[in-house]
Amino acid sequence: MIAPIQPALDGSVPAPAVDYHSWCDLVRPVFVAAAQSGRRFTVYEVAKDNDLPEPGNPRADWGNLTQALVRDGLLEHCGFDRTLRPSGEHSAVSVWRGTRAAQAGRIT
């Protein structure tokens, strides 16, 4: 039995969380386009630039998606970005680019 979603204090009802696989189906085409572009990017940049929704478990799901794209031959790791993050902390963030096959449109 699933418990009903409790309204917030202002009376609004939050949208139900999308399951991981549905979320992947929603955001994957954006990452395919980024991979085909040939430019270098971070996952954060792609998500922010395209106003992508947060997954149900942000701490794990972004990484799981990225690793799935790597396993599918779409992305390859090409370095680290050590710039200031929105959190105000300096941290090393992976930089990705599309594989040659992805850039040629052979992998989607």
PDB file of N, CA and C in Angstrom:
ATOM      1  N   MET A   1       0.837  -1.174   0.000  1.00  0.00           N
ATOM      2  CA  MET A   1       0.000   0.000   0.000  1.00  0.00           C
ATOM      3  C   MET A   1       0.886   1.243   0.000  1.00  0.00           C
ATOM      4  N   ILE A   2       0.574   2.198  -0.851  1.00  0.00           N
ATOM      5  CA  ILE A   2       1.343   3.432  -0.954  1.00  0.00           C
ATOM      6  C   ILE A   2       0.639   4.517  -0.144  1.00  0.00           C
ATOM      7  N   ALA A   3       1.404   5.178   0.707  1.00  0.00           N
ATOM      8  CA  ALA A   3       0.840   6.257   1.516  1.00  0.00           C
ATOM      9  C   ALA A   3       0.536   7.458   0.633  1.00  0.00           C
ATOM     10  N   PRO A   4      -0.551   8.164   0.917  1.00  0.00           N
ATOM     11  CA  PRO A   4      -0.869   9.354   0.129  1.00  0.00           C
ATOM     12  C   PRO A   4       0.180  10.445   0.351  1.00  0.00           C
ATOM     13  N   ILE A   5       0.344  11.303  -0.648  1.00  0.00           N
ATOM     14  CA  ILE A   5       1.290  12.407  -0.535  1.00  0.00           C
ATOM     15  C   ILE A   5       0.668  13.487   0.326  1.00  0.00           C
ATOM     16  N   GLN A   6       1.389  13.884   1.344  1.00  0.00           N
ATOM     17  CA  GLN A   6       0.889  14.896   2.265  1.00  0.00           C
ATOM     18  C   GLN A   6       1.103  16.285   1.678  1.00  0.00           C
ATOM     19  N   PRO A   7       0.069  17.138   1.711  1.00  0.00           N
ATOM     20  CA  PRO A   7       0.234  18.506   1.197  1.00  0.00           C
ATOM     21  C   PRO A   7       1.233  19.297   2.041  1.00  0.00           C
ATOM     22  N   ALA A   8       1.864  20.276   1.405  1.00  0.00           N
ATOM     23  CA  ALA A   8       2.776  21.173   2.113  1.00  0.00           C
ATOM     24  C   ALA A   8       1.968  22.121   2.980  1.00  0.00           C
ATOM     25  N   LEU A   9       2.662  22.895   3.797  1.00  0.00           N
ATOM     26  CA  LEU A   9       1.970  23.819   4.700  1.00  0.00           C
ATOM     27  C   LEU A   9       1.139  24.862   3.958  1.00  0.00           C
ATOM     28  N   ASP A  10       1.548  25.188   2.727  1.00  0.00           N
ATOM     29  CA  ASP A  10       0.780  26.179   1.959  1.00  0.00           C
ATOM     30  C   ASP A  10      -0.389  25.548   1.208  1.00  0.00           C
ATOM     31  N   GLY A  11      -0.587  24.246   1.361  1.00  0.00           N
ATOM     32  CA  GLY A  11      -1.705  23.556   0.732  1.00  0.00           C
ATOM     33  C   GLY A  11      -1.368  22.918  -0.604  1.00  0.00           C
ATOM     34  N   SER A  12      -0.200  23.227  -1.150  1.00  0.00           N
ATOM     35  CA  SER A  12       0.161  22.639  -2.436  1.00  0.00           C
ATOM     36  C   SER A  12       0.579  21.182  -2.248  1.00  0.00           C
ATOM     37  N   VAL A  13       0.365  20.407  -3.266  1.00  0.00           N
ATOM     38  CA  VAL A  13       0.731  19.001  -3.231  1.00  0.00           C
ATOM     39  C   VAL A  13       1.934  18.813  -4.139  1.00  0.00           C
ATOM     40  N   PRO A  14       3.054  18.315  -3.605  1.00  0.00           N
ATOM     41  CA  PRO A  14       4.243  18.133  -4.432  1.00  0.00           C
ATOM     42  C   PRO A  14       4.001  17.085  -5.515  1.00  0.00           C
ATOM     43  N   ALA A  15       4.679  17.270  -6.633  1.00  0.00           N
ATOM     44  CA  ALA A  15       4.569  16.298  -7.724  1.00  0.00           C
ATOM     45  C   ALA A  15       5.182  14.981  -7.276  1.00  0.00           C
ATOM     46  N   PRO A  16       4.573  13.880  -7.652  1.00  0.00           N
ATOM     47  CA  PRO A  16       5.154  12.590  -7.261  1.00  0.00           C
ATOM     48  C   PRO A  16       6.507  12.409  -7.924  1.00  0.00           C
ATOM     49  N   ALA A  17       7.397  11.753  -7.227  1.00  0.00           N
ATOM     50  CA  ALA A  17       8.748  11.528  -7.747  1.00  0.00           C
ATOM     51  C   ALA A  17       8.683  10.571  -8.939  1.00  0.00           C
ATOM     52  N   VAL A  18       9.461  10.876  -9.956  1.00  0.00           N
ATOM     53  CA  VAL A  18       9.531  10.027 -11.140  1.00  0.00           C
ATOM     54  C   VAL A  18      10.516   8.909 -10.839  1.00  0.00           C
ATOM     55  N   ASP A  19      10.181   7.680 -11.241  1.00  0.00           N
ATOM     56  CA  ASP A  19      11.103   6.584 -10.986  1.00  0.00           C
ATOM     57  C   ASP A  19      12.361   6.752 -11.834  1.00  0.00           C
ATOM     58  N   TYR A  20      13.415   6.078 -11.445  1.00  0.00           N
ATOM     59  CA  TYR A  20      14.734   6.258 -12.059  1.00  0.00           C
ATOM     60  C   TYR A  20      14.704   6.022 -13.569  1.00  0.00           C
ATOM     61  N   HIS A  21      14.064   4.946 -14.013  1.00  0.00           N
ATOM     62  CA  HIS A  21      14.082   4.613 -15.439  1.00  0.00           C
ATOM     63  C   HIS A  21      13.310   5.636 -16.271  1.00  0.00           C
ATOM     64  N   SER A  22      12.211   6.135 -15.750  1.00  0.00           N
ATOM     65  CA  SER A  22      11.452   7.175 -16.462  1.00  0.00           C
ATOM     66  C   SER A  22      12.268   8.463 -16.529  1.00  0.00           C
ATOM     67  N   TRP A  23      12.955   8.785 -15.430  1.00  0.00           N
ATOM     68  CA  TRP A  23      13.807   9.973 -15.405  1.00  0.00           C
ATOM     69  C   TRP A  23      14.924   9.843 -16.442  1.00  0.00           C
ATOM     70  N   CYS A  24      15.543   8.668 -16.526  1.00  0.00           N
ATOM     71  CA  CYS A  24      16.611   8.444 -17.516  1.00  0.00           C
ATOM     72  C   CYS A  24      16.078   8.629 -18.933  1.00  0.00           C
ATOM     73  N   ASP A  25      14.889   8.097 -19.201  1.00  0.00           N
ATOM     74  CA  ASP A  25      14.287   8.248 -20.528  1.00  0.00           C
ATOM     75  C   ASP A  25      14.054   9.722 -20.859  1.00  0.00           C
ATOM     76  N   LEU A  26      13.781  10.514 -19.842  1.00  0.00           N
ATOM     77  CA  LEU A  26      13.515  11.939 -20.033  1.00  0.00           C
ATOM     78  C   LEU A  26      14.793  12.739 -20.301  1.00  0.00           C
ATOM     79  N   VAL A  27      15.865  12.441 -19.583  1.00  0.00           N
ATOM     80  CA  VAL A  27      17.083  13.255 -19.685  1.00  0.00           C
ATOM     81  C   VAL A  27      18.114  12.723 -20.674  1.00  0.00           C
ATOM     82  N   ARG A  28      18.063  11.450 -21.011  1.00  0.00           N
ATOM     83  CA  ARG A  28      19.073  10.857 -21.903  1.00  0.00           C
ATOM     84  C   ARG A  28      19.193  11.595 -23.238  1.00  0.00           C
ATOM     85  N   PRO A  29      18.088  11.953 -23.927  1.00  0.00           N
ATOM     86  CA  PRO A  29      18.243  12.643 -25.212  1.00  0.00           C
ATOM     87  C   PRO A  29      19.052  13.938 -25.128  1.00  0.00           C
ATOM     88  N   VAL A  30      18.996  14.612 -23.998  1.00  0.00           N
ATOM     89  CA  VAL A  30      19.767  15.845 -23.818  1.00  0.00           C
ATOM     90  C   VAL A  30      21.258  15.521 -23.767  1.00  0.00           C
ATOM     91  N   PHE A  31      21.610  14.444 -23.097  1.00  0.00           N
ATOM     92  CA  PHE A  31      23.018  14.046 -23.026  1.00  0.00           C
ATOM     93  C   PHE A  31      23.509  13.478 -24.348  1.00  0.00           C
ATOM     94  N   VAL A  32      22.632  12.831 -25.098  1.00  0.00           N
ATOM     95  CA  VAL A  32      23.000  12.360 -26.442  1.00  0.00           C
ATOM     96  C   VAL A  32      23.350  13.566 -27.309  1.00  0.00           C
ATOM     97  N   ALA A  33      22.520  14.605 -27.255  1.00  0.00           N
ATOM     98  CA  ALA A  33      22.789  15.824 -28.039  1.00  0.00           C
ATOM     99  C   ALA A  33      24.101  16.473 -27.606  1.00  0.00           C
ATOM    100  N   ALA A  34      24.365  16.504 -26.301  1.00  0.00           N
ATOM    101  CA  ALA A  34      25.620  17.083 -25.807  1.00  0.00           C
ATOM    102  C   ALA A  34      26.806  16.264 -26.303  1.00  0.00           C
ATOM    103  N   ALA A  35      26.678  14.942 -26.297  1.00  0.00           N
ATOM    104  CA  ALA A  35      27.764  14.075 -26.765  1.00  0.00           C
ATOM    105  C   ALA A  35      27.998  14.266 -28.260  1.00  0.00           C
ATOM    106  N   GLN A  36      26.946  14.432 -29.014  1.00  0.00           N
ATOM    107  CA  GLN A  36      27.078  14.602 -30.460  1.00  0.00           C
ATOM    108  C   GLN A  36      27.665  15.959 -30.837  1.00  0.00           C
ATOM    109  N   SER A  37      27.583  16.924 -29.916  1.00  0.00           N
ATOM    110  CA  SER A  37      28.083  18.266 -30.209  1.00  0.00           C
ATOM    111  C   SER A  37      29.599  18.327 -30.315  1.00  0.00           C
ATOM    112  N   GLY A  38      30.305  17.387 -29.684  1.00  0.00           N
ATOM    113  CA  GLY A  38      31.756  17.379 -29.720  1.00  0.00           C
ATOM    114  C   GLY A  38      32.407  18.274 -28.681  1.00  0.00           C
ATOM    115  N   ARG A  39      31.619  19.022 -27.927  1.00  0.00           N
ATOM    116  CA  ARG A  39      32.215  19.904 -26.925  1.00  0.00           C
ATOM    117  C   ARG A  39      32.421  19.163 -25.609  1.00  0.00           C
ATOM    118  N   ARG A  40      33.281  19.723 -24.763  1.00  0.00           N
ATOM    119  CA  ARG A  40      33.517  19.171 -23.426  1.00  0.00           C
ATOM    120  C   ARG A  40      32.483  19.768 -22.475  1.00  0.00           C
ATOM    121  N   PHE A  41      32.030  18.980 -21.500  1.00  0.00           N
ATOM    122  CA  PHE A  41      30.990  19.456 -20.585  1.00  0.00           C
ATOM    123  C   PHE A  41      31.018  18.698 -19.266  1.00  0.00           C
ATOM    124  N   THR A  42      30.409  19.293 -18.266  1.00  0.00           N
ATOM    125  CA  THR A  42      30.155  18.597 -17.004  1.00  0.00           C
ATOM    126  C   THR A  42      28.669  18.248 -16.987  1.00  0.00           C
ATOM    127  N   VAL A  43      28.318  17.258 -16.205  1.00  0.00           N
ATOM    128  CA  VAL A  43      26.916  16.867 -16.091  1.00  0.00           C
ATOM    129  C   VAL A  43      26.102  18.031 -15.540  1.00  0.00           C
ATOM    130  N   TYR A  44      26.679  18.750 -14.579  1.00  0.00           N
ATOM    131  CA  TYR A  44      25.988  19.900 -13.985  1.00  0.00           C
ATOM    132  C   TYR A  44      25.651  20.949 -15.044  1.00  0.00           C
ATOM    133  N   GLU A  45      26.604  21.245 -15.931  1.00  0.00           N
ATOM    134  CA  GLU A  45      26.372  22.254 -16.970  1.00  0.00           C
ATOM    135  C   GLU A  45      25.229  21.850 -17.891  1.00  0.00           C
ATOM    136  N   VAL A  46      25.216  20.595 -18.306  1.00  0.00           N
ATOM    137  CA  VAL A  46      24.151  20.125 -19.201  1.00  0.00           C
ATOM    138  C   VAL A  46      22.805  20.190 -18.494  1.00  0.00           C
ATOM    139  N   ALA A  47      22.771  19.736 -17.245  1.00  0.00           N
ATOM    140  CA  ALA A  47      21.511  19.756 -16.492  1.00  0.00           C
ATOM    141  C   ALA A  47      21.007  21.180 -16.292  1.00  0.00           C
ATOM    142  N   LYS A  48      21.907  22.095 -15.941  1.00  0.00           N
ATOM    143  CA  LYS A  48      21.516  23.484 -15.696  1.00  0.00           C
ATOM    144  C   LYS A  48      21.091  24.176 -16.978  1.00  0.00           C
ATOM    145  N   ASP A  49      21.874  24.022 -18.042  1.00  0.00           N
ATOM    146  CA  ASP A  49      21.580  24.691 -19.310  1.00  0.00           C
ATOM    147  C   ASP A  49      20.271  24.226 -19.931  1.00  0.00           C
ATOM    148  N   ASN A  50      19.863  22.994 -19.619  1.00  0.00           N
ATOM    149  CA  ASN A  50      18.651  22.436 -20.204  1.00  0.00           C
ATOM    150  C   ASN A  50      17.514  22.308 -19.207  1.00  0.00           C
ATOM    151  N   ASP A  51      17.708  22.884 -18.011  1.00  0.00           N
ATOM    152  CA  ASP A  51      16.683  22.876 -16.965  1.00  0.00           C
ATOM    153  C   ASP A  51      16.128  21.466 -16.723  1.00  0.00           C
ATOM    154  N   LEU A  52      17.053  20.489 -16.574  1.00  0.00           N
ATOM    155  CA  LEU A  52      16.648  19.107 -16.364  1.00  0.00           C
ATOM    156  C   LEU A  52      16.143  18.903 -14.942  1.00  0.00           C
ATOM    157  N   PRO A  53      15.149  18.038 -14.754  1.00  0.00           N
ATOM    158  CA  PRO A  53      14.634  17.773 -13.417  1.00  0.00           C
ATOM    159  C   PRO A  53      15.622  16.961 -12.594  1.00  0.00           C
ATOM    160  N   GLU A  54      15.557  17.127 -11.299  1.00  0.00           N
ATOM    161  CA  GLU A  54      16.379  16.325 -10.390  1.00  0.00           C
ATOM    162  C   GLU A  54      15.807  14.906 -10.318  1.00  0.00           C
ATOM    163  N   PRO A  55      16.673  13.922 -10.223  1.00  0.00           N
ATOM    164  CA  PRO A  55      16.188  12.542 -10.059  1.00  0.00           C
ATOM    165  C   PRO A  55      15.715  12.310  -8.628  1.00  0.00           C
ATOM    166  N   GLY A  56      15.131  11.167  -8.397  1.00  0.00           N
ATOM    167  CA  GLY A  56      14.647  10.821  -7.065  1.00  0.00           C
ATOM    168  C   GLY A  56      15.749  10.756  -6.025  1.00  0.00           C
ATOM    169  N   ASN A  57      16.931  10.307  -6.417  1.00  0.00           N
ATOM    170  CA  ASN A  57      18.081  10.197  -5.509  1.00  0.00           C
ATOM    171  C   ASN A  57      19.276  10.896  -6.164  1.00  0.00           C
ATOM    172  N   PRO A  58      19.341  12.232  -6.066  1.00  0.00           N
ATOM    173  CA  PRO A  58      20.378  12.978  -6.783  1.00  0.00           C
ATOM    174  C   PRO A  58      21.804  12.548  -6.475  1.00  0.00           C
ATOM    175  N   ARG A  59      22.069  12.143  -5.253  1.00  0.00           N
ATOM    176  CA  ARG A  59      23.446  11.788  -4.877  1.00  0.00           C
ATOM    177  C   ARG A  59      23.949  10.560  -5.628  1.00  0.00           C
ATOM    178  N   ALA A  60      23.044   9.698  -6.060  1.00  0.00           N
ATOM    179  CA  ALA A  60      23.459   8.483  -6.765  1.00  0.00           C
ATOM    180  C   ALA A  60      23.047   8.475  -8.232  1.00  0.00           C
ATOM    181  N   ASP A  61      21.883   9.015  -8.538  1.00  0.00           N
ATOM    182  CA  ASP A  61      21.318   8.833  -9.873  1.00  0.00           C
ATOM    183  C   ASP A  61      22.066   9.573 -10.975  1.00  0.00           C
ATOM    184  N   TRP A  62      22.618  10.755 -10.689  1.00  0.00           N
ATOM    185  CA  TRP A  62      23.399  11.453 -11.724  1.00  0.00           C
ATOM    186  C   TRP A  62      24.612  10.618 -12.106  1.00  0.00           C
ATOM    187  N   GLY A  63      25.290  10.069 -11.120  1.00  0.00           N
ATOM    188  CA  GLY A  63      26.459   9.224 -11.382  1.00  0.00           C
ATOM    189  C   GLY A  63      26.081   7.930 -12.085  1.00  0.00           C
ATOM    190  N   ASN A  64      24.957   7.338 -11.679  1.00  0.00           N
ATOM    191  CA  ASN A  64      24.499   6.109 -12.336  1.00  0.00           C
ATOM    192  C   ASN A  64      24.181   6.368 -13.806  1.00  0.00           C
ATOM    193  N   LEU A  65      23.535   7.490 -14.093  1.00  0.00           N
ATOM    194  CA  LEU A  65      23.227   7.842 -15.478  1.00  0.00           C
ATOM    195  C   LEU A  65      24.513   8.024 -16.279  1.00  0.00           C
ATOM    196  N   THR A  66      25.460   8.768 -15.724  1.00  0.00           N
ATOM    197  CA  THR A  66      26.712   9.031 -16.424  1.00  0.00           C
ATOM    198  C   THR A  66      27.449   7.725 -16.723  1.00  0.00           C
ATOM    199  N   GLN A  67      27.524   6.845 -15.754  1.00  0.00           N
ATOM    200  CA  GLN A  67      28.221   5.576 -15.971  1.00  0.00           C
ATOM    201  C   GLN A  67      27.489   4.704 -16.985  1.00  0.00           C
ATOM    202  N   ALA A  68      26.174   4.774 -17.028  1.00  0.00           N
ATOM    203  CA  ALA A  68      25.415   4.042 -18.048  1.00  0.00           C
ATOM    204  C   ALA A  68      25.735   4.584 -19.435  1.00  0.00           C
ATOM    205  N   LEU A  69      25.877   5.913 -19.552  1.00  0.00           N
ATOM    206  CA  LEU A  69      26.224   6.515 -20.842  1.00  0.00           C
ATOM    207  C   LEU A  69      27.638   6.122 -21.268  1.00  0.00           C
ATOM    208  N   VAL A  70      28.539   5.984 -20.305  1.00  0.00           N
ATOM    209  CA  VAL A  70      29.898   5.518 -20.597  1.00  0.00           C
ATOM    210  C   VAL A  70      29.858   4.064 -21.073  1.00  0.00           C
ATOM    211  N   ARG A  71      29.129   3.215 -20.345  1.00  0.00           N
ATOM    212  CA  ARG A  71      29.016   1.794 -20.732  1.00  0.00           C
ATOM    213  C   ARG A  71      28.400   1.625 -22.116  1.00  0.00           C
ATOM    214  N   ASP A  72      27.474   2.525 -22.473  1.00  0.00           N
ATOM    215  CA  ASP A  72      26.823   2.460 -23.788  1.00  0.00           C
ATOM    216  C   ASP A  72      27.712   2.997 -24.901  1.00  0.00           C
ATOM    217  N   GLY A  73      28.908   3.499 -24.556  1.00  0.00           N
ATOM    218  CA  GLY A  73      29.839   3.998 -25.554  1.00  0.00           C
ATOM    219  C   GLY A  73      29.534   5.402 -26.028  1.00  0.00           C
ATOM    220  N   LEU A  74      28.720   6.135 -25.270  1.00  0.00           N
ATOM    221  CA  LEU A  74      28.323   7.484 -25.666  1.00  0.00           C
ATOM    222  C   LEU A  74      29.292   8.547 -25.149  1.00  0.00           C
ATOM    223  N   LEU A  75      29.763   8.397 -23.905  1.00  0.00           N
ATOM    224  CA  LEU A  75      30.633   9.392 -23.276  1.00  0.00           C
ATOM    225  C   LEU A  75      31.990   8.799 -22.935  1.00  0.00           C
ATOM    226  N   GLU A  76      32.993   9.693 -22.878  1.00  0.00           N
ATOM    227  CA  GLU A  76      34.302   9.317 -22.362  1.00  0.00           C
ATOM    228  C   GLU A  76      34.804  10.438 -21.457  1.00  0.00           C
ATOM    229  N   HIS A  77      35.511  10.037 -20.427  1.00  0.00           N
ATOM    230  CA  HIS A  77      36.065  10.989 -19.468  1.00  0.00           C
ATOM    231  C   HIS A  77      37.263  11.677 -20.105  1.00  0.00           C
ATOM    232  N   CYS A  78      37.346  13.012 -19.951  1.00  0.00           N
ATOM    233  CA  CYS A  78      38.471  13.715 -20.588  1.00  0.00           C
ATOM    234  C   CYS A  78      39.134  14.728 -19.650  1.00  0.00           C
ATOM    235  N   GLY A  79      38.925  14.596 -18.353  1.00  0.00           N
ATOM    236  CA  GLY A  79      39.619  15.470 -17.421  1.00  0.00           C
ATOM    237  C   GLY A  79      38.752  15.895 -16.258  1.00  0.00           C
ATOM    238  N   PHE A  80      39.258  16.907 -15.557  1.00  0.00           N
ATOM    239  CA  PHE A  80      38.560  17.433 -14.392  1.00  0.00           C
ATOM    240  C   PHE A  80      38.450  18.940 -14.492  1.00  0.00           C
ATOM    241  N   ASP A  81      37.391  19.480 -13.947  1.00  0.00           N
ATOM    242  CA  ASP A  81      37.171  20.916 -13.843  1.00  0.00           C
ATOM    243  C   ASP A  81      37.320  21.260 -12.366  1.00  0.00           C
ATOM    244  N   ARG A  82      38.237  22.129 -12.050  1.00  0.00           N
ATOM    245  CA  ARG A  82      38.487  22.475 -10.645  1.00  0.00           C
ATOM    246  C   ARG A  82      38.022  23.896 -10.330  1.00  0.00           C
ATOM    247  N   THR A  83      36.921  24.294 -10.880  1.00  0.00           N
ATOM    248  CA  THR A  83      36.403  25.638 -10.656  1.00  0.00           C
ATOM    249  C   THR A  83      35.509  25.681  -9.429  1.00  0.00           C
ATOM    250  N   LEU A  84      35.099  26.874  -9.084  1.00  0.00           N
ATOM    251  CA  LEU A  84      34.229  27.061  -7.933  1.00  0.00           C
ATOM    252  C   LEU A  84      32.841  26.515  -8.245  1.00  0.00           C
ATOM    253  N   ARG A  85      32.347  25.651  -7.411  1.00  0.00           N
ATOM    254  CA  ARG A  85      31.020  25.052  -7.580  1.00  0.00           C
ATOM    255  C   ARG A  85      29.954  25.965  -6.986  1.00  0.00           C
ATOM    256  N   PRO A  86      28.694  25.776  -7.378  1.00  0.00           N
ATOM    257  CA  PRO A  86      27.607  26.581  -6.804  1.00  0.00           C
ATOM    258  C   PRO A  86      27.523  26.497  -5.277  1.00  0.00           C
ATOM    259  N   SER A  87      28.024  25.415  -4.719  1.00  0.00           N
ATOM    260  CA  SER A  87      27.993  25.265  -3.263  1.00  0.00           C
ATOM    261  C   SER A  87      29.012  26.172  -2.588  1.00  0.00           C
ATOM    262  N   GLY A  88      29.884  26.813  -3.370  1.00  0.00           N
ATOM    263  CA  GLY A  88      30.903  27.681  -2.797  1.00  0.00           C
ATOM    264  C   GLY A  88      32.200  26.962  -2.504  1.00  0.00           C
ATOM    265  N   GLU A  89      32.255  25.688  -2.828  1.00  0.00           N
ATOM    266  CA  GLU A  89      33.454  24.901  -2.562  1.00  0.00           C
ATOM    267  C   GLU A  89      34.212  24.637  -3.850  1.00  0.00           C
ATOM    268  N   HIS A  90      35.518  24.541  -3.723  1.00  0.00           N
ATOM    269  CA  HIS A  90      36.330  24.115  -4.855  1.00  0.00           C
ATOM    270  C   HIS A  90      36.349  22.594  -4.832  1.00  0.00           C
ATOM    271  N   SER A  91      36.065  21.979  -5.965  1.00  0.00           N
ATOM    272  CA  SER A  91      36.096  20.530  -6.025  1.00  0.00           C
ATOM    273  C   SER A  91      36.411  20.102  -7.443  1.00  0.00           C
ATOM    274  N   ALA A  92      36.927  18.907  -7.570  1.00  0.00           N
ATOM    275  CA  ALA A  92      37.223  18.358  -8.887  1.00  0.00           C
ATOM    276  C   ALA A  92      35.959  17.689  -9.415  1.00  0.00           C
ATOM    277  N   VAL A  93      35.511  18.129 -10.572  1.00  0.00           N
ATOM    278  CA  VAL A  93      34.309  17.595 -11.194  1.00  0.00           C
ATOM    279  C   VAL A  93      34.707  17.007 -12.540  1.00  0.00           C
ATOM    280  N   SER A  94      34.206  15.828 -12.851  1.00  0.00           N
ATOM    281  CA  SER A  94      34.550  15.172 -14.107  1.00  0.00           C
ATOM    282  C   SER A  94      34.057  15.964 -15.305  1.00  0.00           C
ATOM    283  N   VAL A  95      34.903  15.996 -16.327  1.00  0.00           N
ATOM    284  CA  VAL A  95      34.554  16.614 -17.607  1.00  0.00           C
ATOM    285  C   VAL A  95      34.426  15.478 -18.620  1.00  0.00           C
ATOM    286  N   TRP A  96      33.380  15.554 -19.430  1.00  0.00           N
ATOM    287  CA  TRP A  96      33.054  14.508 -20.381  1.00  0.00           C
ATOM    288  C   TRP A  96      33.011  15.062 -21.796  1.00  0.00           C
ATOM    289  N   ARG A  97      33.101  14.178 -22.768  1.00  0.00           N
ATOM    290  CA  ARG A  97      32.842  14.528 -24.165  1.00  0.00           C
ATOM    291  C   ARG A  97      32.270  13.277 -24.826  1.00  0.00           C
ATOM    292  N   GLY A  98      31.637  13.480 -25.944  1.00  0.00           N
ATOM    293  CA  GLY A  98      31.103  12.344 -26.682  1.00  0.00           C
ATOM    294  C   GLY A  98      32.210  11.556 -27.336  1.00  0.00           C
ATOM    295  N   THR A  99      32.034  10.257 -27.430  1.00  0.00           N
ATOM    296  CA  THR A  99      32.998   9.425 -28.138  1.00  0.00           C
ATOM    297  C   THR A  99      32.926   9.750 -29.626  1.00  0.00           C
ATOM    298  N   ARG A 100      33.898   9.295 -30.372  1.00  0.00           N
ATOM    299  CA  ARG A 100      33.876   9.548 -31.825  1.00  0.00           C
ATOM    300  C   ARG A 100      32.625   8.947 -32.457  1.00  0.00           C
ATOM    301  N   ALA A 101      32.230   7.782 -31.975  1.00  0.00           N
ATOM    302  CA  ALA A 101      31.021   7.150 -32.507  1.00  0.00           C
ATOM    303  C   ALA A 101      29.780   7.993 -32.205  1.00  0.00           C
ATOM    304  N   ALA A 102      29.728   8.569 -31.014  1.00  0.00           N
ATOM    305  CA  ALA A 102      28.594   9.421 -30.648  1.00  0.00           C
ATOM    306  C   ALA A 102      28.598  10.694 -31.490  1.00  0.00           C
ATOM    307  N   GLN A 103      29.774  11.281 -31.678  1.00  0.00           N
ATOM    308  CA  GLN A 103      29.866  12.504 -32.472  1.00  0.00           C
ATOM    309  C   GLN A 103      29.482  12.259 -33.929  1.00  0.00           C
ATOM    310  N   ALA A 104      29.719  11.047 -34.410  1.00  0.00           N
ATOM    311  CA  ALA A 104      29.360  10.702 -35.783  1.00  0.00           C
ATOM    312  C   ALA A 104      27.898  10.281 -35.900  1.00  0.00           C
ATOM    313  N   GLY A 105      27.196  10.181 -34.756  1.00  0.00           N
ATOM    314  CA  GLY A 105      25.792   9.811 -34.770  1.00  0.00           C
ATOM    315  C   GLY A 105      25.541   8.323 -34.849  1.00  0.00           C
ATOM    316  N   ARG A 106      26.584   7.500 -34.623  1.00  0.00           N
ATOM    317  CA  ARG A 106      26.420   6.057 -34.690  1.00  0.00           C
ATOM    318  C   ARG A 106      25.865   5.468 -33.399  1.00  0.00           C
ATOM    319  N   ILE A 107      25.920   6.228 -32.294  1.00  0.00           N
ATOM    320  CA  ILE A 107      25.401   5.777 -30.999  1.00  0.00           C
ATOM    321  C   ILE A 107      24.420   6.831 -30.494  1.00  0.00           C
ATOM    322  N   THR A 108      23.246   6.365 -30.094  1.00  0.00           N
ATOM    323  CA  THR A 108      22.244   7.318 -29.560  1.00  0.00           C
ATOM    324  C   THR A 108      21.668   6.829 -28.265  1.00  0.00           C
TER     325      THR A 108
END
